[in-house]
Amino acid sequence: MTYNGSDEFETEINVRVEGGNPPDLAIIPQPGLLQRVVGTGAVVAAPESVSANVDEFWSEDWKNYGTVGTTFYAAPLMASVKGWVWYSPTEFSENGYEVPTTWDEAHDAHPDHGGQRRLR
């Protein structure tokens, strides 16, 4: 096996696929890119053994990230969560804060937007 890592993977994978030279194996960092590459016809479905492994060790939601349409292509490898909002239940409880349930509520609670409490 020859490993070819790159900081420009998302660009390079598109160039390689469009040029008819897709890699034999790739770690696709996002579901949208997987969908695009699958749409070119350059990706084959995952073997049943991979699908069975994902069914056993991952949730259906995770399997869906590697599925395009009804075909399963890619097993989850890892997650890099960048879009979650974290809060301290203890701090909220101790200060009598209500936990926002929508983005608008969280936005409005922030002092920069007229709210009285500090959200970090």
Protein backbone atom coordinates (compact mmCIF):
# COMPACT_ATOMS: atom_id res chain seq x y z
CA MET A 1 0.00 0.00 0.00
CA THR A 2 1.19 3.50 -0.79
CA TYR A 3 -0.18 6.21 1.48
CA ASN A 4 -0.73 9.61 -0.08
CA GLY A 5 -1.77 12.13 2.58
CA SER A 6 -2.50 15.70 1.65
CA ASP A 7 -3.74 18.94 3.17
CA GLU A 8 -5.52 19.45 -0.16
CA PHE A 9 -7.35 16.11 -0.19
CA GLU A 10 -10.79 17.55 -0.95
CA THR A 11 -9.46 19.23 -4.08
CA GLU A 12 -7.15 16.39 -5.10
CA ILE A 13 -9.80 13.67 -4.83
CA ASN A 14 -12.01 15.61 -7.24
CA VAL A 15 -9.15 16.08 -9.71
CA ARG A 16 -8.17 12.40 -9.53
CA VAL A 17 -11.73 11.18 -9.96
CA GLU A 18 -12.44 13.54 -12.85
CA GLY A 19 -9.13 12.51 -14.44
CA GLY A 20 -10.04 8.82 -14.29
CA ASN A 21 -7.46 8.02 -11.61
CA PRO A 22 -9.40 7.57 -8.36
CA PRO A 23 -7.58 5.98 -5.41
CA ASP A 24 -8.32 2.37 -4.47
CA LEU A 25 -9.20 3.51 -0.95
CA ALA A 26 -9.90 6.95 0.49
CA ILE A 27 -10.93 8.43 3.80
CA ILE A 28 -13.62 10.93 2.83
CA PRO A 29 -13.88 13.68 5.47
CA GLN A 30 -17.50 14.66 4.89
CA PRO A 31 -20.76 13.12 3.64
CA GLY A 32 -21.28 15.82 1.00
CA LEU A 33 -17.97 15.01 -0.66
CA LEU A 34 -18.82 11.31 -0.58
CA GLN A 35 -22.11 12.02 -2.35
CA ARG A 36 -20.34 14.06 -5.01
CA VAL A 37 -17.70 11.41 -5.69
CA VAL A 38 -20.30 8.62 -5.71
CA GLY A 39 -22.23 10.65 -8.28
CA THR A 40 -19.33 10.31 -10.73
CA GLY A 41 -19.65 6.52 -10.75
CA ALA A 42 -16.08 6.09 -9.48
CA VAL A 43 -17.04 4.54 -6.13
CA VAL A 44 -18.14 0.96 -5.54
CA ALA A 45 -20.51 -0.12 -2.79
CA ALA A 46 -18.96 -1.42 0.42
CA PRO A 47 -18.79 -5.21 0.78
CA GLU A 48 -21.44 -6.94 2.91
CA SER A 49 -18.81 -7.70 5.59
CA VAL A 50 -18.15 -3.97 6.04
CA SER A 51 -21.88 -3.26 6.16
CA ALA A 52 -22.36 -5.98 8.79
CA ASN A 53 -19.53 -4.54 10.90
CA VAL A 54 -21.10 -1.09 10.81
CA ASP A 55 -24.50 -2.55 11.69
CA GLU A 56 -22.96 -4.23 14.73
CA PHE A 57 -20.77 -1.43 16.07
CA TRP A 58 -22.29 1.87 14.87
CA SER A 59 -25.74 3.43 14.99
CA GLU A 60 -27.99 3.71 11.96
CA ASP A 61 -27.33 7.47 11.87
CA TRP A 62 -23.60 6.84 11.45
CA LYS A 63 -24.25 4.29 8.72
CA ASN A 64 -26.40 6.84 6.91
CA TYR A 65 -23.41 9.20 6.62
CA GLY A 66 -21.75 6.61 4.38
CA THR A 67 -24.91 5.85 2.41
CA VAL A 68 -25.94 7.59 -0.79
CA GLY A 69 -29.50 6.92 -1.84
CA THR A 70 -30.05 3.37 -0.63
CA THR A 71 -26.49 2.15 -1.24
CA PHE A 72 -23.93 1.89 1.53
CA TYR A 73 -20.44 2.99 0.42
CA ALA A 74 -18.37 4.05 3.41
CA ALA A 75 -17.87 2.93 7.00
CA PRO A 76 -17.46 5.60 9.64
CA LEU A 77 -13.92 6.00 10.87
CA MET A 78 -13.98 8.93 13.25
CA ALA A 79 -15.77 12.18 13.98
CA SER A 80 -14.49 15.68 14.27
CA VAL A 81 -17.31 17.52 15.92
CA LYS A 82 -17.06 21.22 15.22
CA GLY A 83 -20.67 22.31 15.25
CA TRP A 84 -22.00 21.34 18.66
CA VAL A 85 -22.89 23.82 21.34
CA TRP A 86 -21.72 22.74 24.79
CA TYR A 87 -23.01 24.08 28.07
CA SER A 88 -22.65 23.31 31.77
CA PRO A 89 -25.87 21.90 33.21
CA THR A 90 -24.55 22.67 36.70
CA GLU A 91 -23.87 26.33 35.87
CA PHE A 92 -27.26 26.73 34.23
CA SER A 93 -29.00 25.12 37.24
CA GLU A 94 -27.05 27.13 39.81
CA ASN A 95 -27.87 30.40 38.01
CA GLY A 96 -31.49 29.63 37.19
CA TYR A 97 -30.86 29.73 33.44
CA GLU A 98 -33.26 27.97 31.12
CA VAL A 99 -31.56 25.77 28.55
CA PRO A 100 -32.22 27.14 25.05
CA THR A 101 -33.95 24.63 22.80
CA THR A 102 -33.54 26.53 19.54
CA TRP A 103 -30.70 28.45 17.92
CA ASP A 104 -32.76 31.66 18.13
CA GLU A 105 -33.17 31.21 21.91
CA ALA A 106 -29.42 30.63 22.33
CA HIS A 107 -28.68 33.66 20.14
CA ASP A 108 -31.08 35.88 22.11
CA ALA A 109 -29.66 34.71 25.47
CA HIS A 110 -26.14 35.87 24.61
CA PRO A 111 -25.26 39.30 26.07
CA ASP A 112 -24.07 40.57 22.68
CA HIS A 113 -27.66 40.16 21.52
CA GLY A 114 -29.47 41.63 24.52
CA GLY A 115 -29.42 38.59 26.80
CA GLN A 116 -28.42 38.77 30.46
CA ARG A 117 -26.34 35.63 30.76
CA ARG A 118 -22.99 34.62 29.41
CA LEU A 119 -22.96 31.65 27.05
CA ARG A 120 -19.55 30.19 26.25
